C-alpha atoms as a PDB file:
ATOM      1  CA  MET A   1      33.269 116.777  91.087  1.00  0.00           C
ATOM      2  CA  LYS A   2      31.629 117.417  87.753  1.00  0.00           C
ATOM      3  CA  THR A   3      33.151 120.899  87.469  1.00  0.00           C
ATOM      4  CA  LEU A   4      36.698 119.557  87.315  1.00  0.00           C
ATOM      5  CA  LEU A   5      35.642 117.006  84.701  1.00  0.00           C
ATOM      6  CA  TRP A   6      34.102 119.663  82.452  1.00  0.00           C
ATOM      7  CA  LEU A   7      36.987 122.066  82.984  1.00  0.00           C
ATOM      8  CA  GLY A   8      39.401 119.303  82.011  1.00  0.00           C
ATOM      9  CA  LEU A   9      37.397 118.666  78.850  1.00  0.00           C
ATOM     10  CA  VAL A  10      37.544 122.352  77.900  1.00  0.00           C
ATOM     11  CA  VAL A  11      41.303 122.512  78.555  1.00  0.00           C
ATOM     12  CA  MET A  12      41.828 119.359  76.507  1.00  0.00           C
ATOM     13  CA  MET A  13      39.830 120.787  73.593  1.00  0.00           C
ATOM     14  CA  LEU A  14      41.818 124.036  73.723  1.00  0.00           C
ATOM     15  CA  GLY A  15      45.035 122.017  73.611  1.00  0.00           C
ATOM     16  CA  GLY A  16      43.795 120.176  70.538  1.00  0.00           C
ATOM     17  CA  LEU A  17      42.811 123.419  68.836  1.00  0.00           C
ATOM     18  CA  SER A  18      46.195 124.956  69.593  1.00  0.00           C
ATOM     19  CA  LEU A  19      47.791 122.332  67.329  1.00  0.00           C
ATOM     20  CA  PHE A  20      45.945 123.592  64.257  1.00  0.00           C
ATOM     21  CA  VAL A  21      44.743 127.177  64.746  1.00  0.00           C
ATOM     22  CA  PRO A  22      47.435 129.821  64.127  1.00  0.00           C
ATOM     23  CA  ILE A  23      47.738 132.806  66.439  1.00  0.00           C
ATOM     24  CA  PRO A  24      48.000 136.134  64.545  1.00  0.00           C
ATOM     25  CA  ARG A  25      50.706 138.589  65.541  1.00  0.00           C
ATOM     26  CA  ASN A  26      51.255 142.200  64.426  1.00  0.00           C
ATOM     27  CA  GLU A  27      54.630 143.928  64.651  1.00  0.00           C
ATOM     28  CA  ARG A  28      55.336 147.574  63.939  1.00  0.00           C
ATOM     29  CA  GLU A  29      58.764 149.033  63.380  1.00  0.00           C
ATOM     30  CA  GLY A  30      59.607 152.623  62.596  1.00  0.00           C
ATOM     31  CA  PHE A  31      60.027 156.036  64.097  1.00  0.00           C
ATOM     32  CA  SER A  32      58.093 159.240  64.543  1.00  0.00           C
ATOM     33  CA  ALA A  33      59.258 162.821  64.694  1.00  0.00           C
ATOM     34  CA  GLY A  34      56.744 165.486  65.557  1.00  0.00           C
ATOM     35  CA  GLY A  35      53.623 164.849  63.478  1.00  0.00           C
ATOM     36  CA  ILE A  36      55.369 162.587  60.947  1.00  0.00           C
ATOM     37  CA  ALA A  37      55.558 158.848  61.405  1.00  0.00           C
ATOM     38  CA  ILE A  38      57.317 156.372  59.140  1.00  0.00           C
ATOM     39  CA  GLY A  39      57.011 152.686  59.776  1.00  0.00           C
ATOM     40  CA  ILE A  40      56.285 149.220  58.543  1.00  0.00           C
ATOM     41  CA  GLU A  41      53.676 146.927  60.005  1.00  0.00           C
ATOM     42  CA  THR A  42      54.052 143.186  59.442  1.00  0.00           C
ATOM     43  CA  GLN A  43      51.588 140.441  60.219  1.00  0.00           C
ATOM     44  CA  ARG A  44      52.580 136.868  61.026  1.00  0.00           C
ATOM     45  CA  SER A  45      50.703 133.789  62.124  1.00  0.00           C
ATOM     46  CA  ALA A  46      52.266 130.945  64.066  1.00  0.00           C
ATOM     47  CA  THR A  47      50.954 127.857  65.798  1.00  0.00           C
ATOM     48  CA  VAL A  48      51.877 126.846  69.308  1.00  0.00           C
ATOM     49  CA  SER A  49      54.682 124.326  69.681  1.00  0.00           C
ATOM     50  CA  PRO A  50      53.431 120.722  69.532  1.00  0.00           C
ATOM     51  CA  LEU A  51      55.187 120.034  72.832  1.00  0.00           C
ATOM     52  CA  VAL A  52      53.236 122.787  74.584  1.00  0.00           C
ATOM     53  CA  SER A  53      50.000 121.610  72.962  1.00  0.00           C
ATOM     54  CA  GLY A  54      50.698 118.067  74.137  1.00  0.00           C
ATOM     55  CA  LEU A  55      51.266 119.275  77.682  1.00  0.00           C
ATOM     56  CA  ILE A  56      47.980 121.186  77.619  1.00  0.00           C
ATOM     57  CA  ILE A  57      46.163 118.071  76.367  1.00  0.00           C
ATOM     58  CA  LEU A  58      47.760 115.935  79.100  1.00  0.00           C
ATOM     59  CA  ALA A  59      46.823 118.489  81.748  1.00  0.00           C
ATOM     60  CA  GLY A  60      43.219 118.444  80.544  1.00  0.00           C
ATOM     61  CA  ALA A  61      43.166 114.632  80.582  1.00  0.00           C
ATOM     62  CA  GLY A  62      44.589 114.639  84.120  1.00  0.00           C
ATOM     63  CA  MET A  63      41.902 117.056  85.259  1.00  0.00           C
ATOM     64  CA  MET A  64      39.223 114.850  83.718  1.00  0.00           C
ATOM     65  CA  ILE A  65      40.596 111.766  85.479  1.00  0.00           C
ATOM     66  CA  ALA A  66      40.819 113.625  88.800  1.00  0.00           C
ATOM     67  CA  GLY A  67      37.262 114.886  88.387  1.00  0.00           C
ATOM     68  CA  LYS A  68      35.960 111.413  87.586  1.00  0.00           C
ATOM     69  CA  ARG A  69      37.669 109.816  90.611  1.00  0.00           C
ATOM     70  CA  LYS A  70      36.230 112.325  93.096  1.00  0.00           C
ATOM     71  CA  SER A  71      32.620 111.793  92.018  1.00  0.00           C
END
């Protein structure tokens, strides 16, 4: 099945990218009363845990192997 092979390749590439590309995150804290709002908005970027990225890469490799065996 070529579809499983290509899907595994895409998943494996996404796992590799997740090691290096940070994911932006916005947080807003504050309060509002009537028409007045006071707050602070912070922005952070964090990468995915290397363990999770490794699991995604292994899952993609497993899908590629399964797709190659069926064809």
